[in-house]
C-alpha atoms as a PDB file:
ATOM      1  CA  UNK A   1     150.720  84.168  90.628  1.00  0.00           C
ATOM      2  CA  UNK A   2     149.702  81.947  93.537  1.00  0.00           C
ATOM      3  CA  UNK A   3     147.734  78.767  92.972  1.00  0.00           C
ATOM      4  CA  UNK A   4     145.480  77.828  95.896  1.00  0.00           C
ATOM      5  CA  UNK A   5     144.045  74.331  96.236  1.00  0.00           C
ATOM      6  CA  UNK A   6     140.987  73.662  98.372  1.00  0.00           C
ATOM      7  CA  UNK A   7     142.446  70.414  99.819  1.00  0.00           C
ATOM      8  CA  UNK A   8     142.368  69.307 103.446  1.00  0.00           C
ATOM      9  CA  UNK A   9     145.828  68.222 104.556  1.00  0.00           C
ATOM     10  CA  UNK A  10     144.357  65.389 106.625  1.00  0.00           C
ATOM     11  CA  UNK A  11     142.246  64.059 103.772  1.00  0.00           C
ATOM     12  CA  UNK A  12     143.310  61.564 101.139  1.00  0.00           C
ATOM     13  CA  UNK A  13     140.311  62.335  98.902  1.00  0.00           C
ATOM     14  CA  UNK A  14     140.875  63.554  95.375  1.00  0.00           C
ATOM     15  CA  UNK A  15     139.445  66.784  94.047  1.00  0.00           C
ATOM     16  CA  UNK A  16     138.360  67.771  90.596  1.00  0.00           C
ATOM     17  CA  UNK A  17     139.613  70.783  88.656  1.00  0.00           C
ATOM     18  CA  UNK A  18     136.644  72.805  89.971  1.00  0.00           C
ATOM     19  CA  UNK A  19     138.253  72.730  93.446  1.00  0.00           C
ATOM     20  CA  UNK A  20     141.188  74.745  92.169  1.00  0.00           C
ATOM     21  CA  UNK A  21     141.051  78.541  92.213  1.00  0.00           C
ATOM     22  CA  UNK A  22     143.635  80.986  90.967  1.00  0.00           C
ATOM     23  CA  UNK A  23     144.406  84.240  92.777  1.00  0.00           C
ATOM     24  CA  UNK A  24     146.736  87.079  91.835  1.00  0.00           C
ATOM     25  CA  UNK A  25     147.613  87.834  95.436  1.00  0.00           C
ATOM     26  CA  UNK A  26     147.260  86.567  98.966  1.00  0.00           C
ATOM     27  CA  UNK A  27     144.734  89.352  99.697  1.00  0.00           C
ATOM     28  CA  UNK A  28     142.504  88.072  96.884  1.00  0.00           C
ATOM     29  CA  UNK A  29     142.655  84.615  98.386  1.00  0.00           C
ATOM     30  CA  UNK A  30     141.682  85.862 101.846  1.00  0.00           C
ATOM     31  CA  UNK A  31     138.840  88.017 100.499  1.00  0.00           C
ATOM     32  CA  UNK A  32     137.483  85.071  98.535  1.00  0.00           C
ATOM     33  CA  UNK A  33     137.459  82.871 101.621  1.00  0.00           C
ATOM     34  CA  UNK A  34     135.715  85.492 103.748  1.00  0.00           C
ATOM     35  CA  UNK A  35     133.062  86.163 101.106  1.00  0.00           C
ATOM     36  CA  UNK A  36     132.403  82.459 100.734  1.00  0.00           C
ATOM     37  CA  UNK A  37     131.860  82.061 104.462  1.00  0.00           C
ATOM     38  CA  UNK A  38     129.746  85.208 104.827  1.00  0.00           C
ATOM     39  CA  UNK A  39     127.366  84.574 101.952  1.00  0.00           C
ATOM     40  CA  UNK A  40     125.336  81.822 103.665  1.00  0.00           C
ATOM     41  CA  UNK A  41     125.092  83.974 106.841  1.00  0.00           C
ATOM     42  CA  UNK A  42     123.932  87.036 104.917  1.00  0.00           C
ATOM     43  CA  UNK A  43     121.402  84.955 103.060  1.00  0.00           C
ATOM     44  CA  UNK A  44     120.111  83.486 106.308  1.00  0.00           C
ATOM     45  CA  UNK A  45     119.743  86.894 107.976  1.00  0.00           C
ATOM     46  CA  UNK A  46     117.986  88.457 105.038  1.00  0.00           C
ATOM     47  CA  UNK A  47     115.631  85.550 104.565  1.00  0.00           C
ATOM     48  CA  UNK A  48     113.532  84.934 101.526  1.00  0.00           C
ATOM     49  CA  UNK A  49     112.224  87.981  99.646  1.00  0.00           C
ATOM     50  CA  UNK A  50     108.678  88.905 100.620  1.00  0.00           C
ATOM     51  CA  UNK A  51     105.991  88.539  98.022  1.00  0.00           C
ATOM     52  CA  UNK A  52     104.374  91.854  97.220  1.00  0.00           C
ATOM     53  CA  UNK A  53     100.614  91.872  96.739  1.00  0.00           C
ATOM     54  CA  UNK A  54      99.640  92.939  93.268  1.00  0.00           C
ATOM     55  CA  UNK A  55      97.148  95.784  93.486  1.00  0.00           C
ATOM     56  CA  UNK A  56      94.058  95.105  91.428  1.00  0.00           C
ATOM     57  CA  UNK A  57      91.491  97.867  91.781  1.00  0.00           C
ATOM     58  CA  UNK A  58      88.316  98.255  89.765  1.00  0.00           C
ATOM     59  CA  UNK A  59      85.420 100.718  89.393  1.00  0.00           C
ATOM     60  CA  UNK A  60      83.058  98.742  91.626  1.00  0.00           C
ATOM     61  CA  UNK A  61      79.828 100.028  93.174  1.00  0.00           C
ATOM     62  CA  UNK A  62      77.308  98.384  95.458  1.00  0.00           C
ATOM     63  CA  UNK A  63      73.832  98.750  93.995  1.00  0.00           C
ATOM     64  CA  UNK A  64      70.430  98.552  95.708  1.00  0.00           C
ATOM     65  CA  UNK A  65      68.400  96.514  93.241  1.00  0.00           C
ATOM     66  CA  UNK A  66      64.626  96.166  93.434  1.00  0.00           C
ATOM     67  CA  UNK A  67      63.990  92.489  92.771  1.00  0.00           C
ATOM     68  CA  UNK A  68      60.210  92.850  92.359  1.00  0.00           C
ATOM     69  CA  UNK A  69      58.461  94.269  89.316  1.00  0.00           C
ATOM     70  CA  UNK A  70      55.156  94.862  91.117  1.00  0.00           C
ATOM     71  CA  UNK A  71      53.947  95.121  94.684  1.00  0.00           C
ATOM     72  CA  UNK A  72      56.017  96.169  97.647  1.00  0.00           C
ATOM     73  CA  UNK A  73      59.668  96.801  96.621  1.00  0.00           C
ATOM     74  CA  UNK A  74      62.199  94.268  97.818  1.00  0.00           C
ATOM     75  CA  UNK A  75      65.672  95.828  97.406  1.00  0.00           C
ATOM     76  CA  UNK A  76      68.859  93.857  97.871  1.00  0.00           C
ATOM     77  CA  UNK A  77      72.480  94.933  97.643  1.00  0.00           C
ATOM     78  CA  UNK A  78      74.450  93.552  94.699  1.00  0.00           C
ATOM     79  CA  UNK A  79      78.012  94.055  93.499  1.00  0.00           C
ATOM     80  CA  UNK A  80      78.285  95.869  90.168  1.00  0.00           C
ATOM     81  CA  UNK A  81      81.213  96.582  87.872  1.00  0.00           C
ATOM     82  CA  UNK A  82      81.299  99.809  85.885  1.00  0.00           C
ATOM     83  CA  UNK A  83      82.645  98.327  82.674  1.00  0.00           C
ATOM     84  CA  UNK A  84      84.123 100.881  80.270  1.00  0.00           C
ATOM     85  CA  UNK A  85      84.746  98.078  77.779  1.00  0.00           C
ATOM     86  CA  UNK A  86      81.172  96.800  77.724  1.00  0.00           C
ATOM     87  CA  UNK A  87      78.539  98.226  75.428  1.00  0.00           C
ATOM     88  CA  UNK A  88      75.512  96.977  77.383  1.00  0.00           C
ATOM     89  CA  UNK A  89      74.287  96.147  80.868  1.00  0.00           C
ATOM     90  CA  UNK A  90      74.130  92.607  82.240  1.00  0.00           C
ATOM     91  CA  UNK A  91      72.465  91.105  85.316  1.00  0.00           C
ATOM     92  CA  UNK A  92      72.738  87.682  86.884  1.00  0.00           C
ATOM     93  CA  UNK A  93      69.451  85.929  86.178  1.00  0.00           C
ATOM     94  CA  UNK A  94      68.940  84.689  89.760  1.00  0.00           C
ATOM     95  CA  UNK A  95      68.132  88.261  90.811  1.00  0.00           C
ATOM     96  CA  UNK A  96      65.470  88.637  88.104  1.00  0.00           C
ATOM     97  CA  UNK A  97      63.142  85.755  88.934  1.00  0.00           C
ATOM     98  CA  UNK A  98      60.368  88.221  89.953  1.00  0.00           C
ATOM     99  CA  UNK A  99      61.099  90.768  87.251  1.00  0.00           C
ATOM    100  CA  UNK A 100      59.399  90.690  83.861  1.00  0.00           C
ATOM    101  CA  UNK A 101      61.872  89.048  81.514  1.00  0.00           C
ATOM    102  CA  UNK A 102      61.292  88.908  77.799  1.00  0.00           C
ATOM    103  CA  UNK A 103      63.126  86.843  75.158  1.00  0.00           C
ATOM    104  CA  UNK A 104      65.336  88.568  72.606  1.00  0.00           C
ATOM    105  CA  UNK A 105      65.153  87.877  68.870  1.00  0.00           C
ATOM    106  CA  UNK A 106      68.631  86.387  68.705  1.00  0.00           C
ATOM    107  CA  UNK A 107      71.304  85.146  71.044  1.00  0.00           C
ATOM    108  CA  UNK A 108      73.742  87.914  72.005  1.00  0.00           C
ATOM    109  CA  UNK A 109      77.346  87.170  72.916  1.00  0.00           C
ATOM    110  CA  UNK A 110      79.218  89.417  75.342  1.00  0.00           C
ATOM    111  CA  UNK A 111      82.862  89.616  76.333  1.00  0.00           C
ATOM    112  CA  UNK A 112      82.942  90.200  80.091  1.00  0.00           C
ATOM    113  CA  UNK A 113      85.453  89.919  82.976  1.00  0.00           C
ATOM    114  CA  UNK A 114      83.847  86.531  83.640  1.00  0.00           C
ATOM    115  CA  UNK A 115      84.626  85.427  80.085  1.00  0.00           C
ATOM    116  CA  UNK A 116      82.372  85.063  77.054  1.00  0.00           C
ATOM    117  CA  UNK A 117      78.689  84.879  78.043  1.00  0.00           C
ATOM    118  CA  UNK A 118      75.535  84.564  76.006  1.00  0.00           C
ATOM    119  CA  UNK A 119      72.133  86.083  76.698  1.00  0.00           C
ATOM    120  CA  UNK A 120      68.709  85.144  75.358  1.00  0.00           C
ATOM    121  CA  UNK A 121      66.476  87.406  77.455  1.00  0.00           C
ATOM    122  CA  UNK A 122      66.372  90.797  79.097  1.00  0.00           C
ATOM    123  CA  UNK A 123      64.381  92.691  81.697  1.00  0.00           C
ATOM    124  CA  UNK A 124      63.833  96.205  83.001  1.00  0.00           C
ATOM    125  CA  UNK A 125      65.359  96.732  86.445  1.00  0.00           C
ATOM    126  CA  UNK A 126      65.132  99.552  88.968  1.00  0.00           C
ATOM    127  CA  UNK A 127      68.026 100.378  91.267  1.00  0.00           C
ATOM    128  CA  UNK A 128      69.956 103.075  93.076  1.00  0.00           C
ATOM    129  CA  UNK A 129      73.668 103.628  93.640  1.00  0.00           C
ATOM    130  CA  UNK A 130      73.656 104.845  97.277  1.00  0.00           C
ATOM    131  CA  UNK A 131      77.440 105.296  97.431  1.00  0.00           C
ATOM    132  CA  UNK A 132      77.069 108.145  94.901  1.00  0.00           C
ATOM    133  CA  UNK A 133      73.440 109.353  94.960  1.00  0.00           C
ATOM    134  CA  UNK A 134      71.165 107.545  97.362  1.00  0.00           C
ATOM    135  CA  UNK A 135      67.848 109.013  96.211  1.00  0.00           C
ATOM    136  CA  UNK A 136      68.255 108.760  92.430  1.00  0.00           C
ATOM    137  CA  UNK A 137      66.203 105.868  91.085  1.00  0.00           C
ATOM    138  CA  UNK A 138      67.514 104.409  87.833  1.00  0.00           C
ATOM    139  CA  UNK A 139      65.458 102.262  85.461  1.00  0.00           C
ATOM    140  CA  UNK A 140      67.267 100.466  82.648  1.00  0.00           C
ATOM    141  CA  UNK A 141      67.146  97.354  80.468  1.00  0.00           C
ATOM    142  CA  UNK A 142      69.500  94.523  81.447  1.00  0.00           C
ATOM    143  CA  UNK A 143      70.445  91.412  79.527  1.00  0.00           C
ATOM    144  CA  UNK A 144      70.203  88.311  81.704  1.00  0.00           C
ATOM    145  CA  UNK A 145      72.907  85.696  82.043  1.00  0.00           C
ATOM    146  CA  UNK A 146      73.539  82.834  84.413  1.00  0.00           C
ATOM    147  CA  UNK A 147      76.923  83.864  85.806  1.00  0.00           C
ATOM    148  CA  UNK A 148      79.104  86.998  85.850  1.00  0.00           C
ATOM    149  CA  UNK A 149      81.955  85.645  87.949  1.00  0.00           C
ATOM    150  CA  UNK A 150      82.908  88.023  90.757  1.00  0.00           C
ATOM    151  CA  UNK A 151      80.036  90.381  89.965  1.00  0.00           C
ATOM    152  CA  UNK A 152      76.240  90.330  90.125  1.00  0.00           C
ATOM    153  CA  UNK A 153      75.751  93.157  87.662  1.00  0.00           C
ATOM    154  CA  UNK A 154      77.731  94.874  84.925  1.00  0.00           C
ATOM    155  CA  UNK A 155      76.911  98.469  84.041  1.00  0.00           C
ATOM    156  CA  UNK A 156      78.106  99.212  80.523  1.00  0.00           C
ATOM    157  CA  UNK A 157      78.945 102.293  78.511  1.00  0.00           C
ATOM    158  CA  UNK A 158      75.358 102.866  77.391  1.00  0.00           C
ATOM    159  CA  UNK A 159      74.081 103.571  80.899  1.00  0.00           C
ATOM    160  CA  UNK A 160      77.238 105.326  82.109  1.00  0.00           C
ATOM    161  CA  UNK A 161      77.014 107.725  79.163  1.00  0.00           C
ATOM    162  CA  UNK A 162      73.334 108.345  79.889  1.00  0.00           C
ATOM    163  CA  UNK A 163      74.002 109.099  83.567  1.00  0.00           C
ATOM    164  CA  UNK A 164      77.268 110.939  83.029  1.00  0.00           C
ATOM    165  CA  UNK A 165      79.403 108.649  85.223  1.00  0.00           C
ATOM    166  CA  UNK A 166      83.151 109.210  84.823  1.00  0.00           C
ATOM    167  CA  UNK A 167      85.917 106.792  85.776  1.00  0.00           C
ATOM    168  CA  UNK A 168      89.198 108.599  86.459  1.00  0.00           C
ATOM    169  CA  UNK A 169      92.034 106.105  86.746  1.00  0.00           C
ATOM    170  CA  UNK A 170      94.520 108.969  87.200  1.00  0.00           C
ATOM    171  CA  UNK A 171      92.744 109.825  90.469  1.00  0.00           C
ATOM    172  CA  UNK A 172      91.533 106.284  91.157  1.00  0.00           C
ATOM    173  CA  UNK A 173      87.984 107.523  91.539  1.00  0.00           C
ATOM    174  CA  UNK A 174      84.474 107.172  90.173  1.00  0.00           C
ATOM    175  CA  UNK A 175      82.612 110.469  89.766  1.00  0.00           C
ATOM    176  CA  UNK A 176      78.961 111.183  89.148  1.00  0.00           C
ATOM    177  CA  UNK A 177      77.454 114.646  89.211  1.00  0.00           C
ATOM    178  CA  UNK A 178      79.692 116.091  91.914  1.00  0.00           C
ATOM    179  CA  UNK A 179      79.959 112.946  94.035  1.00  0.00           C
ATOM    180  CA  UNK A 180      83.138 110.853  94.182  1.00  0.00           C
ATOM    181  CA  UNK A 181      84.058 107.422  95.522  1.00  0.00           C
ATOM    182  CA  UNK A 182      87.393 105.577  95.329  1.00  0.00           C
ATOM    183  CA  UNK A 183      88.071 102.568  93.158  1.00  0.00           C
ATOM    184  CA  UNK A 184      87.855  99.283  95.056  1.00  0.00           C
ATOM    185  CA  UNK A 185      89.852  96.084  95.330  1.00  0.00           C
ATOM    186  CA  UNK A 186      88.591  93.390  93.001  1.00  0.00           C
ATOM    187  CA  UNK A 187      87.639  91.229  96.014  1.00  0.00           C
ATOM    188  CA  UNK A 188      85.738  94.051  97.724  1.00  0.00           C
ATOM    189  CA  UNK A 189      82.644  93.121  99.726  1.00  0.00           C
ATOM    190  CA  UNK A 190      79.860  95.130 101.315  1.00  0.00           C
ATOM    191  CA  UNK A 191      81.405  94.415 104.720  1.00  0.00           C
ATOM    192  CA  UNK A 192      84.879  95.636 103.765  1.00  0.00           C
ATOM    193  CA  UNK A 193      84.404  98.327 101.131  1.00  0.00           C
ATOM    194  CA  UNK A 194      80.946  99.893 101.205  1.00  0.00           C
ATOM    195  CA  UNK A 195      81.476 103.633 100.898  1.00  0.00           C
ATOM    196  CA  UNK A 196      79.478 105.617 103.464  1.00  0.00           C
ATOM    197  CA  UNK A 197      79.315 109.358 102.924  1.00  0.00           C
ATOM    198  CA  UNK A 198      78.961 111.825 105.801  1.00  0.00           C
ATOM    199  CA  UNK A 199      75.608 113.578 105.789  1.00  0.00           C
ATOM    200  CA  UNK A 200      77.472 116.897 105.849  1.00  0.00           C
ATOM    201  CA  UNK A 201      81.060 118.012 105.815  1.00  0.00           C
ATOM    202  CA  UNK A 202      82.339 120.057 108.743  1.00  0.00           C
ATOM    203  CA  UNK A 203      85.814 121.413 109.238  1.00  0.00           C
ATOM    204  CA  UNK A 204      87.478 119.537 112.116  1.00  0.00           C
ATOM    205  CA  UNK A 205      88.582 122.701 113.943  1.00  0.00           C
ATOM    206  CA  UNK A 206      85.070 124.125 113.614  1.00  0.00           C
ATOM    207  CA  UNK A 207      83.594 120.925 114.998  1.00  0.00           C
ATOM    208  CA  UNK A 208      85.916 121.075 118.006  1.00  0.00           C
ATOM    209  CA  UNK A 209      85.024 124.737 118.546  1.00  0.00           C
ATOM    210  CA  UNK A 210      81.302 123.950 118.533  1.00  0.00           C
ATOM    211  CA  UNK A 211      81.844 121.232 121.118  1.00  0.00           C
ATOM    212  CA  UNK A 212      83.930 123.476 123.365  1.00  0.00           C
ATOM    213  CA  UNK A 213      81.387 126.307 123.115  1.00  0.00           C
ATOM    214  CA  UNK A 214      78.506 124.103 124.184  1.00  0.00           C
ATOM    215  CA  UNK A 215      77.421 124.806 127.782  1.00  0.00           C
ATOM    216  CA  UNK A 216      75.195 122.286 129.451  1.00  0.00           C
ATOM    217  CA  UNK A 217      73.669 124.294 132.328  1.00  0.00           C
ATOM    218  CA  UNK A 218      70.211 125.418 133.388  1.00  0.00           C
ATOM    219  CA  UNK A 219      69.072 128.635 131.732  1.00  0.00           C
ATOM    220  CA  UNK A 220      67.851 131.636 133.740  1.00  0.00           C
ATOM    221  CA  UNK A 221      64.394 132.254 132.240  1.00  0.00           C
ATOM    222  CA  UNK A 222      64.221 135.878 133.431  1.00  0.00           C
ATOM    223  CA  UNK A 223      67.472 136.695 131.648  1.00  0.00           C
ATOM    224  CA  UNK A 224      66.279 134.903 128.529  1.00  0.00           C
ATOM    225  CA  UNK A 225      63.057 136.966 128.490  1.00  0.00           C
ATOM    226  CA  UNK A 226      64.934 140.247 128.963  1.00  0.00           C
ATOM    227  CA  UNK A 227      67.099 139.409 125.936  1.00  0.00           C
ATOM    228  CA  UNK A 228      64.010 139.372 123.703  1.00  0.00           C
ATOM    229  CA  UNK A 229      64.288 143.048 122.752  1.00  0.00           C
ATOM    230  CA  UNK A 230      61.759 142.716 119.948  1.00  0.00           C
ATOM    231  CA  UNK A 231      58.974 142.040 122.486  1.00  0.00           C
ATOM    232  CA  UNK A 232      57.104 144.708 124.456  1.00  0.00           C
ATOM    233  CA  UNK A 233      57.255 144.722 128.240  1.00  0.00           C
ATOM    234  CA  UNK A 234      53.740 143.266 128.387  1.00  0.00           C
ATOM    235  CA  UNK A 235      54.690 140.476 125.943  1.00  0.00           C
ATOM    236  CA  UNK A 236      57.783 139.740 127.987  1.00  0.00           C
ATOM    237  CA  UNK A 237      55.641 139.401 131.120  1.00  0.00           C
ATOM    238  CA  UNK A 238      53.282 137.010 129.282  1.00  0.00           C
ATOM    239  CA  UNK A 239      56.264 134.958 128.084  1.00  0.00           C
END
């Protein structure tokens, strides 16, 4: 057994027992020294581990809410959470100032993503969910509260069951009567995550074919008339 001491020959300083290392062979001693020197270099090259962003997606929809009970409609876009854990629907009271609100018999307490909130009034609101079905107008009773945190509206189980809205976390989608949109990041905004559906779906190859087949040139009217086989010769002359 070889005892190695980490002592500089030109130094008179004393070392504690922790400076002494035991090795079973000279190779072990050399390997230890190399590893000791390389570790700081490897650590420097690798750098600090990168922080990975935690994915937090929710069933969020952007709703077009009519903020007027009577007169000309005044729709605005609000951020709504489809809350599978909530039994009722909630709306931030600032959007209901021109809706007909009525007091409830007793204070109701709700557990929401914004925490525990209490409501003392409710109103009937009209809205659409354009990301799923743009032309379907929904009318439902909402309990009013001052603040819902990240959201303006919470759509609970009662309305989702009535409409038949399904949240499929296995597919990360929200589905309603044949229409599907993806779940959204919790910080989603209209500018970054509003889902716009194509007016129709067309196969890409078919679209390219239609473009290539298009000929932008003047038509020969005589040839066009002759192709109208269903017309008599006299009708063709009149055309």
